[in-house]
Amino acid sequence: MVTIEAVRQLALAFPEAEEKPHFDLPSFRVKNKIFATIHEKTNRAMVKLSLVDQSVFCAIDKTAIYPVPGGWGRKGSTFFELKKVRKAVLKDALTQAWLGIAPKQLAEKFREENK
């Protein structure tokens, strides 16, 4: 199980990550591009993954990790049920999401520092 606060801490640990509102949801961004949001009312997080990463994470547990219904899900937006998902799995997903939208040089620097 992962708490809302743990999601926030994990997301904000990435270089240049910041929290900003996205309609009524907290969103986490790098260079103003969203890589994750928190859905507090339903106790889940949305992580923006590549389609390949989405399929890999969803294969872990389809009841805990699944595409967002509709068009956003077909583009990689993925829900993580916080009561069912392990923190390490969510951290890995957030890392992939952040790397997917971070500027190239920032992402390369992060990869080098985290080998």
C-alpha atoms as a PDB file:
ATOM      1  CA  MET A   1       0.000   0.000   0.000  1.00  0.00           C
ATOM      2  CA  VAL A   2       1.178   3.489  -0.858  1.00  0.00           C
ATOM      3  CA  THR A   3      -0.083   6.668   0.804  1.00  0.00           C
ATOM      4  CA  ILE A   4      -0.976   9.880  -1.004  1.00  0.00           C
ATOM      5  CA  GLU A   5       1.904  11.586   0.775  1.00  0.00           C
ATOM      6  CA  ALA A   6       4.321   8.860  -0.358  1.00  0.00           C
ATOM      7  CA  VAL A   7       3.261   9.425  -3.982  1.00  0.00           C
ATOM      8  CA  ARG A   8       3.891  13.124  -3.534  1.00  0.00           C
ATOM      9  CA  GLN A   9       7.351  12.517  -2.031  1.00  0.00           C
ATOM     10  CA  LEU A  10       8.326  10.055  -4.748  1.00  0.00           C
ATOM     11  CA  ALA A  11       7.217  12.371  -7.550  1.00  0.00           C
ATOM     12  CA  LEU A  12       8.887  15.448  -6.119  1.00  0.00           C
ATOM     13  CA  ALA A  13      12.191  13.619  -5.640  1.00  0.00           C
ATOM     14  CA  PHE A  14      12.968  13.868  -9.366  1.00  0.00           C
ATOM     15  CA  PRO A  15      15.136  16.760 -10.575  1.00  0.00           C
ATOM     16  CA  GLU A  16      13.131  19.889 -11.388  1.00  0.00           C
ATOM     17  CA  ALA A  17       9.842  18.148 -10.530  1.00  0.00           C
ATOM     18  CA  GLU A  18       7.160  20.424  -9.178  1.00  0.00           C
ATOM     19  CA  GLU A  19       3.586  20.116  -8.015  1.00  0.00           C
ATOM     20  CA  LYS A  20       0.901  22.241  -9.645  1.00  0.00           C
ATOM     21  CA  PRO A  21      -2.871  21.956  -9.764  1.00  0.00           C
ATOM     22  CA  HIS A  22      -4.432  20.325 -12.811  1.00  0.00           C
ATOM     23  CA  PHE A  23      -8.120  21.176 -12.583  1.00  0.00           C
ATOM     24  CA  ASP A  24      -9.016  19.658  -9.169  1.00  0.00           C
ATOM     25  CA  LEU A  25      -6.035  17.264  -9.028  1.00  0.00           C
ATOM     26  CA  PRO A  26      -2.473  17.659  -7.803  1.00  0.00           C
ATOM     27  CA  SER A  27      -0.168  17.106 -10.771  1.00  0.00           C
ATOM     28  CA  PHE A  28       3.556  16.542 -10.957  1.00  0.00           C
ATOM     29  CA  ARG A  29       5.484  18.124 -13.774  1.00  0.00           C
ATOM     30  CA  VAL A  30       8.908  18.702 -15.209  1.00  0.00           C
ATOM     31  CA  LYS A  31       9.273  21.763 -17.435  1.00  0.00           C
ATOM     32  CA  ASN A  32       5.475  22.166 -17.088  1.00  0.00           C
ATOM     33  CA  LYS A  33       4.755  18.730 -18.638  1.00  0.00           C
ATOM     34  CA  ILE A  34       2.681  16.368 -16.499  1.00  0.00           C
ATOM     35  CA  PHE A  35       4.110  12.948 -15.677  1.00  0.00           C
ATOM     36  CA  ALA A  36       1.684  12.008 -12.865  1.00  0.00           C
ATOM     37  CA  THR A  37      -1.436  13.094 -10.998  1.00  0.00           C
ATOM     38  CA  ILE A  38      -3.017  12.110  -7.687  1.00  0.00           C
ATOM     39  CA  HIS A  39      -6.702  11.200  -7.531  1.00  0.00           C
ATOM     40  CA  GLU A  40      -7.261  11.576  -3.793  1.00  0.00           C
ATOM     41  CA  LYS A  41     -11.001  10.790  -3.833  1.00  0.00           C
ATOM     42  CA  THR A  42     -10.437   7.389  -5.439  1.00  0.00           C
ATOM     43  CA  ASN A  43      -7.044   6.718  -3.790  1.00  0.00           C
ATOM     44  CA  ARG A  44      -5.107   6.197  -6.984  1.00  0.00           C
ATOM     45  CA  ALA A  45      -2.384   7.828  -9.022  1.00  0.00           C
ATOM     46  CA  MET A  46      -2.231   8.323 -12.755  1.00  0.00           C
ATOM     47  CA  VAL A  47       1.195   7.845 -14.298  1.00  0.00           C
ATOM     48  CA  LYS A  48       1.885   8.841 -17.896  1.00  0.00           C
ATOM     49  CA  LEU A  49       3.773   5.937 -19.465  1.00  0.00           C
ATOM     50  CA  SER A  50       4.818   4.894 -22.933  1.00  0.00           C
ATOM     51  CA  LEU A  51       2.555   2.206 -24.374  1.00  0.00           C
ATOM     52  CA  VAL A  52       5.316  -0.373 -23.950  1.00  0.00           C
ATOM     53  CA  ASP A  53       5.864   0.583 -20.300  1.00  0.00           C
ATOM     54  CA  GLN A  54       2.110   0.596 -19.731  1.00  0.00           C
ATOM     55  CA  SER A  55       1.816  -2.986 -20.974  1.00  0.00           C
ATOM     56  CA  VAL A  56       4.722  -4.103 -18.767  1.00  0.00           C
ATOM     57  CA  PHE A  57       3.335  -2.502 -15.607  1.00  0.00           C
ATOM     58  CA  CYS A  58      -0.237  -3.656 -16.279  1.00  0.00           C
ATOM     59  CA  ALA A  59       1.042  -7.226 -16.605  1.00  0.00           C
ATOM     60  CA  ILE A  60       2.155  -7.120 -12.952  1.00  0.00           C
ATOM     61  CA  ASP A  61      -1.434  -6.980 -11.624  1.00  0.00           C
ATOM     62  CA  LYS A  62      -4.356  -5.906 -13.806  1.00  0.00           C
ATOM     63  CA  THR A  63      -6.512  -5.187 -10.723  1.00  0.00           C
ATOM     64  CA  ALA A  64      -3.947  -2.733  -9.338  1.00  0.00           C
ATOM     65  CA  ILE A  65      -2.494  -1.236 -12.524  1.00  0.00           C
ATOM     66  CA  TYR A  66      -4.587  -0.568 -15.620  1.00  0.00           C
ATOM     67  CA  PRO A  67      -5.043   1.952 -18.451  1.00  0.00           C
ATOM     68  CA  VAL A  68      -7.185   4.998 -17.745  1.00  0.00           C
ATOM     69  CA  PRO A  69     -10.538   4.356 -19.485  1.00  0.00           C
ATOM     70  CA  GLY A  70     -10.926   6.017 -22.884  1.00  0.00           C
ATOM     71  CA  GLY A  71      -8.509   7.861 -25.096  1.00  0.00           C
ATOM     72  CA  TRP A  72      -6.011   8.873 -22.421  1.00  0.00           C
ATOM     73  CA  GLY A  73      -5.445   5.236 -21.515  1.00  0.00           C
ATOM     74  CA  ARG A  74      -4.783   4.384 -25.154  1.00  0.00           C
ATOM     75  CA  LYS A  75      -2.005   6.997 -25.050  1.00  0.00           C
ATOM     76  CA  GLY A  76      -0.301   5.543 -21.966  1.00  0.00           C
ATOM     77  CA  SER A  77      -2.096   7.142 -19.028  1.00  0.00           C
ATOM     78  CA  THR A  78      -2.197   4.429 -16.389  1.00  0.00           C
ATOM     79  CA  PHE A  79      -3.983   4.164 -13.040  1.00  0.00           C
ATOM     80  CA  PHE A  80      -2.232   2.712 -10.002  1.00  0.00           C
ATOM     81  CA  GLU A  81      -4.542   1.659  -7.162  1.00  0.00           C
ATOM     82  CA  LEU A  82      -2.622   2.862  -4.116  1.00  0.00           C
ATOM     83  CA  LYS A  83      -4.116   0.257  -1.746  1.00  0.00           C
ATOM     84  CA  LYS A  84      -2.939  -2.579  -4.010  1.00  0.00           C
ATOM     85  CA  VAL A  85       0.361  -1.471  -5.517  1.00  0.00           C
ATOM     86  CA  ARG A  86       3.800  -1.801  -3.957  1.00  0.00           C
ATOM     87  CA  LYS A  87       5.822   1.360  -3.441  1.00  0.00           C
ATOM     88  CA  ALA A  88       8.810   0.013  -5.410  1.00  0.00           C
ATOM     89  CA  VAL A  89       6.601  -0.675  -8.439  1.00  0.00           C
ATOM     90  CA  LEU A  90       5.094   2.813  -8.322  1.00  0.00           C
ATOM     91  CA  LYS A  91       8.552   4.356  -7.940  1.00  0.00           C
ATOM     92  CA  ASP A  92       9.741   2.468 -11.042  1.00  0.00           C
ATOM     93  CA  ALA A  93       6.694   3.659 -13.005  1.00  0.00           C
ATOM     94  CA  LEU A  94       7.190   7.268 -11.905  1.00  0.00           C
ATOM     95  CA  THR A  95      10.836   7.038 -12.954  1.00  0.00           C
ATOM     96  CA  GLN A  96       9.859   5.853 -16.434  1.00  0.00           C
ATOM     97  CA  ALA A  97       7.195   8.569 -16.696  1.00  0.00           C
ATOM     98  CA  TRP A  98       9.609  11.299 -15.598  1.00  0.00           C
ATOM     99  CA  LEU A  99      12.313  10.060 -17.989  1.00  0.00           C
ATOM    100  CA  GLY A 100       9.751  10.049 -20.795  1.00  0.00           C
ATOM    101  CA  ILE A 101       9.030  13.763 -20.551  1.00  0.00           C
ATOM    102  CA  ALA A 102      12.152  15.294 -19.016  1.00  0.00           C
ATOM    103  CA  PRO A 103      14.392  17.256 -21.382  1.00  0.00           C
ATOM    104  CA  LYS A 104      17.004  14.982 -22.955  1.00  0.00           C
ATOM    105  CA  GLN A 105      20.018  16.441 -21.130  1.00  0.00           C
ATOM    106  CA  LEU A 106      18.269  16.338 -17.752  1.00  0.00           C
ATOM    107  CA  ALA A 107      17.175  12.734 -18.323  1.00  0.00           C
ATOM    108  CA  GLU A 108      20.699  11.713 -19.389  1.00  0.00           C
ATOM    109  CA  LYS A 109      22.195  13.358 -16.310  1.00  0.00           C
ATOM    110  CA  PHE A 110      19.674  11.539 -14.096  1.00  0.00           C
ATOM    111  CA  ARG A 111      20.501   8.192 -15.723  1.00  0.00           C
ATOM    112  CA  GLU A 112      24.241   8.770 -15.229  1.00  0.00           C
ATOM    113  CA  GLU A 113      23.795   9.691 -11.575  1.00  0.00           C
ATOM    114  CA  ASN A 114      21.526   6.707 -10.890  1.00  0.00           C
ATOM    115  CA  LYS A 115      23.486   3.865 -12.514  1.00  0.00           C
END
